[in-house]
């Protein structure tokens, strides 16, 4: 009996020290107090994901009890795949490390299981700043003015991982466009600058929000043409731009598009590793939601021309479950057209 009590006491002691303070019912303001939270960005500096993350990092501490310091660091590579693998397998599981990732990582286990070391359904999704539409753009010197032109003429586009690789490859396979992807750019920013320098002639898969935030001058000066939009619905600001669903030939095409474009519903997501205690996840989710409503944050985002249309972490988890229930034929079609990447 004494031996059993000793084991039980030791087990309780270990559990007490292993659990974070908020998980033990203590004042949640004590958990993050005096701590640093590292916010890793899965793309290079200066791009859309980086810009969003740095603005959020400036405001979210005031909504986290204890007001920890947020340090932003970039970890680019393969459309946030490098960061996703890191957060899932290496980072601390206590809420002090989170990632701003490309939502396309949610599809990687279906399409590229050989290079993925995570299950996206096991991440703790904190929230997303935006529901997005992606677009295809051509530099003004090219012959590409409409999507129909892209079915006849080659457009050389910059690939930086994620949608800038997957969308043109998928569209080539499904619809017969003639996009030639030059992969290897560190981020969308570098890919867009390559277009300006003449290394490539377009970009297919940049978000409309990023284009406005980082290429607004090009739009105002008519230096780029937006010739196609990718989204589950047409964007209200792009009523005259062709919509990818208009080119679907049958229900199978539409089901494949639904799967590929599903992650756009949480277009600027933030993740924490698996096994972070749920009380800590709740703190982070609540802080993110409150930041999205913060008038000062909203004003700053508007000043920077950053669209805000948030989605909560719990809703993202439900969307993932729906995606992973897609028809096998749709999954196979998406995998077929992206397998060479």
Protein backbone atom coordinates (compact mmCIF):
# COMPACT_ATOMS: atom_id res chain seq x y z
CA UNK A 1 0.00 0.00 0.00
CA UNK A 2 2.80 2.42 0.94
CA UNK A 3 4.58 1.59 -2.33
CA UNK A 4 1.39 2.27 -4.31
CA UNK A 5 0.90 5.59 -2.52
CA UNK A 6 4.51 6.53 -3.24
CA UNK A 7 4.07 5.79 -6.94
CA UNK A 8 0.81 7.72 -7.01
CA UNK A 9 2.37 10.72 -5.25
CA UNK A 10 5.34 10.73 -7.67
CA UNK A 11 3.03 10.48 -10.66
CA UNK A 12 0.92 13.38 -9.43
CA UNK A 13 4.04 15.48 -8.81
CA UNK A 14 5.39 14.80 -12.32
CA UNK A 15 2.02 15.63 -13.87
CA UNK A 16 1.81 18.85 -11.92
CA UNK A 17 5.18 20.09 -13.16
CA UNK A 18 4.58 18.83 -16.71
CA UNK A 19 1.31 20.73 -17.11
CA UNK A 20 1.41 24.46 -17.83
CA UNK A 21 -0.05 26.75 -15.16
CA UNK A 22 -3.19 27.56 -17.16
CA UNK A 23 -3.90 23.85 -17.56
CA UNK A 24 -3.74 23.44 -13.76
CA UNK A 25 -6.50 25.98 -13.23
CA UNK A 26 -4.25 28.84 -12.14
CA UNK A 27 -4.71 32.42 -13.34
CA UNK A 28 -4.13 32.30 -17.10
CA UNK A 29 -2.37 35.67 -16.93
CA UNK A 30 0.57 33.95 -15.27
CA UNK A 31 1.25 31.44 -18.04
CA UNK A 32 2.62 33.77 -20.73
CA UNK A 33 3.87 36.45 -18.36
CA UNK A 34 7.55 37.18 -18.96
CA UNK A 35 7.76 34.72 -21.88
CA UNK A 36 8.74 35.11 -25.51
CA UNK A 37 6.54 33.68 -28.24
CA UNK A 38 8.24 33.03 -31.56
CA UNK A 39 6.06 33.59 -34.59
CA UNK A 40 7.71 31.88 -37.56
CA UNK A 41 6.67 32.91 -41.07
CA UNK A 42 6.89 30.22 -43.74
CA UNK A 43 7.89 32.66 -46.48
CA UNK A 44 10.52 35.29 -47.13
CA UNK A 45 10.51 38.84 -45.78
CA UNK A 46 8.50 41.53 -47.51
CA UNK A 47 5.80 39.31 -49.00
CA UNK A 48 2.14 39.16 -48.13
CA UNK A 49 2.35 36.47 -45.44
CA UNK A 50 5.26 38.27 -43.80
CA UNK A 51 3.45 41.62 -43.87
CA UNK A 52 0.31 40.15 -42.28
CA UNK A 53 2.31 38.33 -39.60
CA UNK A 54 4.29 41.40 -38.55
CA UNK A 55 1.19 43.56 -38.24
CA UNK A 56 -0.59 40.87 -36.20
CA UNK A 57 2.51 40.41 -34.02
CA UNK A 58 2.40 44.12 -33.15
CA UNK A 59 -1.13 43.90 -31.74
CA UNK A 60 -1.79 40.37 -30.49
CA UNK A 61 0.36 40.62 -27.30
CA UNK A 62 -2.09 43.09 -25.78
CA UNK A 63 -4.79 40.42 -26.10
CA UNK A 64 -2.75 37.57 -24.56
CA UNK A 65 -2.93 37.53 -20.75
CA UNK A 66 0.55 38.28 -19.46
CA UNK A 67 1.39 40.19 -22.67
CA UNK A 68 4.38 38.11 -23.84
CA UNK A 69 6.93 39.46 -26.29
CA UNK A 70 6.31 38.28 -29.85
CA UNK A 71 9.42 37.72 -31.98
CA UNK A 72 8.87 37.27 -35.72
CA UNK A 73 11.32 35.10 -37.67
CA UNK A 74 11.19 33.87 -41.24
CA UNK A 75 11.59 30.21 -42.15
CA UNK A 76 10.91 30.09 -45.91
CA UNK A 77 10.98 27.00 -48.06
CA UNK A 78 8.70 24.89 -50.29
CA UNK A 79 5.55 26.92 -49.75
CA UNK A 80 5.76 26.72 -45.93
CA UNK A 81 6.45 22.98 -45.96
CA UNK A 82 9.78 23.49 -44.16
CA UNK A 83 8.06 25.45 -41.40
CA UNK A 84 5.14 23.02 -41.09
CA UNK A 85 7.53 20.08 -40.65
CA UNK A 86 9.46 22.08 -38.04
CA UNK A 87 6.41 23.11 -36.01
CA UNK A 88 5.00 19.60 -36.07
CA UNK A 89 8.17 17.69 -35.18
CA UNK A 90 10.74 19.98 -33.57
CA UNK A 91 9.20 23.03 -31.93
CA UNK A 92 8.15 23.20 -28.27
CA UNK A 93 4.59 22.12 -27.57
CA UNK A 94 3.73 24.73 -24.98
CA UNK A 95 2.30 27.60 -27.02
CA UNK A 96 5.54 29.58 -27.21
CA UNK A 97 6.08 28.76 -30.88
CA UNK A 98 3.51 29.28 -33.63
CA UNK A 99 3.68 29.44 -37.40
CA UNK A 100 2.19 31.57 -40.17
CA UNK A 101 1.85 29.12 -43.05
CA UNK A 102 0.58 28.81 -46.59
CA UNK A 103 -2.78 27.00 -46.38
CA UNK A 104 -1.67 24.67 -49.19
CA UNK A 105 0.18 22.63 -46.55
CA UNK A 106 -3.21 21.16 -45.70
CA UNK A 107 -3.21 19.37 -49.08
CA UNK A 108 0.40 18.19 -49.07
CA UNK A 109 -0.27 14.85 -47.31
CA UNK A 110 -2.73 13.95 -50.09
CA UNK A 111 -0.53 15.06 -52.96
CA UNK A 112 3.04 14.61 -51.71
CA UNK A 113 2.97 12.12 -48.83
CA UNK A 114 6.64 11.32 -49.41
CA UNK A 115 7.86 14.77 -48.34
CA UNK A 116 5.36 15.47 -45.57
CA UNK A 117 6.09 14.71 -41.93
CA UNK A 118 2.85 15.94 -40.43
CA UNK A 119 -0.89 15.42 -40.33
CA UNK A 120 -2.51 18.85 -40.79
CA UNK A 121 -5.55 17.72 -38.82
CA UNK A 122 -3.38 17.38 -35.71
CA UNK A 123 -2.10 20.95 -35.77
CA UNK A 124 -3.85 23.32 -33.40
CA UNK A 125 -5.17 25.90 -35.85
CA UNK A 126 -5.33 29.28 -34.14
CA UNK A 127 -7.14 31.24 -36.81
CA UNK A 128 -6.83 32.89 -40.19
CA UNK A 129 -6.81 36.58 -41.02
CA UNK A 130 -8.41 36.21 -44.40
CA UNK A 131 -10.55 34.16 -46.73
CA UNK A 132 -8.73 34.52 -50.01
CA UNK A 133 -8.95 34.48 -53.76
CA UNK A 134 -5.86 33.90 -55.86
CA UNK A 135 -5.24 35.41 -59.26
CA UNK A 136 -3.10 34.97 -62.32
CA UNK A 137 -1.29 38.04 -63.63
CA UNK A 138 0.71 38.74 -66.76
CA UNK A 139 3.24 41.52 -67.28
CA UNK A 140 1.92 44.24 -69.57
CA UNK A 141 4.43 43.46 -72.35
CA UNK A 142 3.06 39.94 -72.94
CA UNK A 143 0.36 38.85 -75.37
CA UNK A 144 -1.71 37.37 -72.52
CA UNK A 145 -4.77 39.53 -71.92
CA UNK A 146 -7.39 36.90 -71.06
CA UNK A 147 -7.50 33.35 -69.77
CA UNK A 148 -8.42 32.18 -73.26
CA UNK A 149 -5.06 33.58 -74.41
CA UNK A 150 -3.34 31.37 -71.82
CA UNK A 151 -4.90 28.35 -73.49
CA UNK A 152 -3.08 29.25 -76.72
CA UNK A 153 0.08 31.16 -75.73
CA UNK A 154 2.85 30.21 -73.30
CA UNK A 155 3.25 32.29 -70.15
CA UNK A 156 6.43 31.80 -68.11
CA UNK A 157 5.51 32.11 -64.43
CA UNK A 158 7.50 32.25 -61.22
CA UNK A 159 7.06 29.41 -58.74
CA UNK A 160 7.86 29.93 -55.07
CA UNK A 161 6.10 26.91 -53.63
CA UNK A 162 2.48 26.57 -52.60
CA UNK A 163 -0.16 27.94 -54.95
CA UNK A 164 2.33 29.61 -57.34
CA UNK A 165 3.46 26.11 -58.31
CA UNK A 166 0.30 24.08 -57.77
CA UNK A 167 -2.22 26.31 -59.53
CA UNK A 168 -0.43 26.61 -62.89
CA UNK A 169 0.47 22.90 -62.92
CA UNK A 170 -3.07 21.89 -62.00
CA UNK A 171 -4.56 24.21 -64.63
CA UNK A 172 -2.17 22.89 -67.28
CA UNK A 173 -3.25 19.33 -66.56
CA UNK A 174 -6.95 19.91 -66.14
CA UNK A 175 -7.66 22.59 -68.75
CA UNK A 176 -4.69 22.58 -71.10
CA UNK A 177 -3.16 25.97 -70.37
CA UNK A 178 0.42 26.55 -71.43
CA UNK A 179 2.01 27.88 -68.25
CA UNK A 180 5.72 27.18 -67.89
CA UNK A 181 6.68 27.23 -64.22
CA UNK A 182 10.17 28.38 -63.22
CA UNK A 183 10.40 27.13 -59.64
CA UNK A 184 12.83 27.91 -56.87
CA UNK A 185 12.05 31.50 -55.91
CA UNK A 186 12.20 32.05 -52.14
CA UNK A 187 8.84 33.75 -51.95
CA UNK A 188 6.09 35.47 -53.88
CA UNK A 189 7.87 38.81 -53.52
CA UNK A 190 10.95 37.44 -55.28
CA UNK A 191 8.77 35.89 -57.98
CA UNK A 192 7.02 39.18 -58.64
CA UNK A 193 10.31 41.08 -58.81
CA UNK A 194 11.54 38.46 -61.30
CA UNK A 195 8.55 39.36 -63.45
CA UNK A 196 9.47 43.03 -63.30
CA UNK A 197 13.08 42.19 -64.26
CA UNK A 198 11.93 40.11 -67.23
CA UNK A 199 13.10 36.73 -65.89
CA UNK A 200 9.50 35.51 -66.11
CA UNK A 201 6.41 37.03 -67.67
CA UNK A 202 3.72 36.29 -65.10
CA UNK A 203 2.62 34.82 -61.81
CA UNK A 204 -0.27 32.40 -61.31
CA UNK A 205 -1.32 31.80 -57.72
CA UNK A 206 -0.59 35.09 -55.95
CA UNK A 207 -3.41 36.17 -53.65
CA UNK A 208 -5.44 39.20 -54.61
CA UNK A 209 -4.76 40.64 -51.14
CA UNK A 210 -0.99 40.24 -51.58
CA UNK A 211 -1.07 41.74 -55.06
CA UNK A 212 -2.87 44.82 -53.77
CA UNK A 213 -0.57 45.13 -50.75
CA UNK A 214 2.75 44.59 -52.51
CA UNK A 215 2.02 45.40 -56.15
CA UNK A 216 -0.47 48.22 -55.84
CA UNK A 217 1.64 50.58 -57.93
CA UNK A 218 1.81 48.04 -60.76
CA UNK A 219 -1.99 47.77 -60.70
CA UNK A 220 -2.46 51.54 -60.70
CA UNK A 221 -0.01 51.94 -63.58
CA UNK A 222 -1.50 49.03 -65.57
CA UNK A 223 1.85 47.22 -65.56
CA UNK A 224 0.19 43.90 -64.73
CA UNK A 225 -2.99 42.36 -66.11
CA UNK A 226 -5.18 40.20 -63.87
CA UNK A 227 -6.56 37.62 -66.30
CA UNK A 228 -7.93 34.79 -64.09
CA UNK A 229 -9.18 34.35 -60.54
CA UNK A 230 -9.19 31.19 -58.42
CA UNK A 231 -11.76 31.00 -55.64
CA UNK A 232 -14.79 29.06 -54.49
CA UNK A 233 -16.69 32.23 -55.38
CA UNK A 234 -15.87 35.20 -57.57
CA UNK A 235 -14.27 38.10 -55.73
CA UNK A 236 -16.55 41.16 -55.60
CA UNK A 237 -13.65 43.41 -56.58
CA UNK A 238 -12.98 41.37 -59.74
CA UNK A 239 -16.38 41.15 -61.48
CA UNK A 240 -14.90 41.30 -64.99
CA UNK A 241 -12.03 38.86 -64.45
CA UNK A 242 -12.53 35.30 -65.68
CA UNK A 243 -13.32 32.72 -62.97
CA UNK A 244 -11.71 29.29 -63.07
CA UNK A 245 -15.04 27.49 -62.46
CA UNK A 246 -16.37 28.90 -65.73
CA UNK A 247 -13.93 26.54 -67.48
CA UNK A 248 -14.94 23.37 -65.62
CA UNK A 249 -16.29 20.86 -68.13
CA UNK A 250 -18.08 18.50 -65.76
CA UNK A 251 -18.75 17.63 -62.12
CA UNK A 252 -15.42 15.81 -61.80
CA UNK A 253 -13.56 18.98 -62.80
CA UNK A 254 -15.55 20.99 -60.27
CA UNK A 255 -14.90 18.44 -57.49
CA UNK A 256 -11.15 18.63 -58.17
CA UNK A 257 -11.30 22.44 -58.11
CA UNK A 258 -13.23 22.32 -54.82
CA UNK A 259 -10.46 20.27 -53.26
CA UNK A 260 -7.59 22.37 -54.58
CA UNK A 261 -9.23 25.67 -53.71
CA UNK A 262 -10.63 24.57 -50.34
CA UNK A 263 -7.66 25.95 -48.37
CA UNK A 264 -8.50 29.44 -49.64
CA UNK A 265 -11.25 29.49 -47.03
CA UNK A 266 -8.49 29.92 -44.45
CA UNK A 267 -6.02 31.82 -46.57
CA UNK A 268 -3.72 33.35 -43.88
CA UNK A 269 -3.63 30.66 -41.18
CA UNK A 270 -1.64 30.39 -37.95
CA UNK A 271 -0.80 27.05 -36.37
CA UNK A 272 0.50 25.68 -33.11
CA UNK A 273 1.99 22.18 -32.72
CA UNK A 274 0.00 19.12 -31.73
CA UNK A 275 -0.33 18.36 -28.02
CA UNK A 276 -0.31 21.98 -26.86
CA UNK A 277 -2.62 21.90 -23.80
CA UNK A 278 -6.12 22.93 -24.82
CA UNK A 279 -6.38 25.74 -22.23
CA UNK A 280 -3.32 27.31 -23.85
CA UNK A 281 -4.77 26.81 -27.35
CA UNK A 282 -7.94 28.53 -26.11
CA UNK A 283 -5.90 31.52 -24.91
CA UNK A 284 -4.18 31.85 -28.29
CA UNK A 285 -7.41 31.47 -30.26
CA UNK A 286 -9.21 34.02 -28.14
CA UNK A 287 -6.30 36.47 -28.46
CA UNK A 288 -6.28 36.03 -32.24
CA UNK A 289 -10.04 36.58 -32.50
CA UNK A 290 -9.82 39.67 -30.28
CA UNK A 291 -6.95 41.04 -32.37
CA UNK A 292 -9.02 40.70 -35.52
CA UNK A 293 -11.68 42.90 -33.84
CA UNK A 294 -9.20 45.42 -32.41
CA UNK A 295 -10.01 48.87 -33.90
CA UNK A 296 -6.35 49.90 -33.82
CA UNK A 297 -5.33 46.73 -35.66
CA UNK A 298 -8.12 47.20 -38.19
CA UNK A 299 -7.06 50.78 -38.84
CA UNK A 300 -3.43 49.77 -39.29
CA UNK A 301 -4.40 46.96 -41.66
CA UNK A 302 -6.53 49.31 -43.72
CA UNK A 303 -3.69 51.82 -43.89
CA UNK A 304 -1.43 49.07 -45.24
CA UNK A 305 -4.15 47.91 -47.67
CA UNK A 306 -4.45 44.53 -45.95
CA UNK A 307 -7.86 42.91 -46.33
CA UNK A 308 -9.18 41.31 -43.14
CA UNK A 309 -11.85 38.59 -43.28
CA UNK A 310 -11.02 36.28 -40.35
CA UNK A 311 -11.85 32.62 -39.78
CA UNK A 312 -11.64 31.04 -36.32
CA UNK A 313 -9.38 28.13 -35.45
CA UNK A 314 -12.22 25.76 -34.60
CA UNK A 315 -13.87 26.50 -37.97
CA UNK A 316 -10.60 25.70 -39.79
CA UNK A 317 -10.48 22.32 -38.05
CA UNK A 318 -13.99 21.57 -39.39
CA UNK A 319 -13.02 22.67 -42.90
CA UNK A 320 -10.06 20.29 -42.82
CA UNK A 321 -12.29 17.37 -41.87
CA UNK A 322 -14.51 18.24 -44.83
CA UNK A 323 -11.54 18.41 -47.21
CA UNK A 324 -10.29 15.02 -46.09
CA UNK A 325 -13.71 13.58 -46.85
CA UNK A 326 -13.40 14.55 -50.54
CA UNK A 327 -14.31 11.93 -53.17
CA UNK A 328 -11.34 9.64 -53.97
CA UNK A 329 -11.66 10.49 -57.67
CA UNK A 330 -11.15 14.20 -56.92
CA UNK A 331 -8.12 13.44 -54.76
CA UNK A 332 -6.63 11.26 -57.49
CA UNK A 333 -7.18 13.92 -60.14
CA UNK A 334 -5.45 16.60 -58.06
CA UNK A 335 -2.59 14.23 -57.25
CA UNK A 336 -2.20 13.28 -60.91
CA UNK A 337 -1.74 16.86 -62.06
CA UNK A 338 0.58 17.82 -59.21
CA UNK A 339 2.67 14.68 -58.84
CA UNK A 340 5.58 16.03 -60.91
CA UNK A 341 6.14 18.93 -58.53
